[in-house]
Amino acid sequence: MNDLQLALREALAATQECNPADLDAGDLELWHLCDRRIEQIIEALIAGHDECGPAARAILARFRLPG
């Protein structure tokens, strides 16, 4: 689980360093790929703690950006 948490922190840091509105089409696609990977990592972390899974998914859904 520590590897997943580290991967999540690194991916979040990478996406927070730039504004997607300032990216060209190729870079924006990479940004979206990273965003989807973040979602996959979060799902894996939630799956490891299934007792809070539905509540965690509901909270995360509130912060999910359209894209």
Protein backbone atom coordinates (compact mmCIF):
# COMPACT_ATOMS: atom_id res chain seq x y z
CA MET A 1 0.00 0.00 0.00
CA ASN A 2 2.87 2.40 0.64
CA ASP A 3 3.87 2.09 -3.04
CA LEU A 4 0.34 3.09 -4.09
CA GLN A 5 0.31 6.03 -1.70
CA LEU A 6 3.68 7.22 -3.03
CA ALA A 7 2.49 6.83 -6.62
CA LEU A 8 -0.64 8.82 -5.80
CA ARG A 9 1.35 11.64 -4.19
CA GLU A 10 3.71 11.83 -7.18
CA ALA A 11 0.89 11.79 -9.73
CA LEU A 12 -1.05 14.47 -7.84
CA ALA A 13 2.05 16.64 -7.61
CA ALA A 14 2.66 16.28 -11.36
CA THR A 15 -0.88 17.30 -12.32
CA GLN A 16 -1.03 20.17 -9.84
CA GLU A 17 2.10 21.77 -11.30
CA CYS A 18 0.30 22.85 -14.45
CA ASN A 19 -2.97 24.40 -15.51
CA PRO A 20 -4.71 22.18 -18.08
CA ALA A 21 -6.08 25.29 -19.80
CA ASP A 22 -2.50 26.27 -20.69
CA LEU A 23 -1.60 22.93 -22.32
CA ASP A 24 -1.52 22.10 -26.01
CA ALA A 25 -3.46 19.08 -27.29
CA GLY A 26 -0.64 16.56 -26.80
CA ASP A 27 0.21 17.70 -23.31
CA LEU A 28 -3.46 17.85 -22.40
CA GLU A 29 -3.84 14.21 -23.42
CA LEU A 30 -0.92 13.29 -21.14
CA TRP A 31 -2.52 15.29 -18.33
CA HIS A 32 -5.78 13.35 -18.81
CA LEU A 33 -3.89 10.04 -18.84
CA CYS A 34 -2.27 10.98 -15.55
CA ASP A 35 -5.64 12.02 -14.16
CA ARG A 36 -7.12 8.63 -15.11
CA ARG A 37 -4.14 6.89 -13.50
CA ILE A 38 -4.79 8.86 -10.31
CA GLU A 39 -8.35 7.58 -10.37
CA GLN A 40 -7.10 3.99 -10.79
CA ILE A 41 -4.69 4.38 -7.87
CA ILE A 42 -7.45 5.80 -5.68
CA GLU A 43 -9.71 2.89 -6.62
CA ALA A 44 -6.95 0.44 -5.67
CA LEU A 45 -6.46 2.17 -2.32
CA ILE A 46 -10.20 2.16 -1.65
CA ALA A 47 -10.43 -1.52 -2.57
CA GLY A 48 -7.82 -2.22 0.11
CA HIS A 49 -10.13 -0.65 2.70
CA ASP A 50 -13.47 -1.95 1.50
CA GLU A 51 -15.35 -1.03 4.66
CA CYS A 52 -15.16 2.65 3.73
CA GLY A 53 -15.30 2.19 -0.03
CA PRO A 54 -18.81 3.54 -0.76
CA ALA A 55 -18.34 6.60 1.44
CA ALA A 56 -14.89 7.31 -0.01
CA ARG A 57 -16.21 7.02 -3.57
CA ALA A 58 -19.07 9.41 -2.77
CA ILE A 59 -16.63 11.98 -1.39
CA LEU A 60 -14.28 11.63 -4.35
CA ALA A 61 -17.14 11.99 -6.82
CA ARG A 62 -17.87 15.44 -5.42
CA PHE A 63 -14.37 16.58 -6.39
CA ARG A 64 -14.10 14.86 -9.77
CA LEU A 65 -13.68 17.29 -12.62
CA PRO A 66 -15.49 16.79 -15.90
CA GLY A 67 -13.16 15.75 -18.60
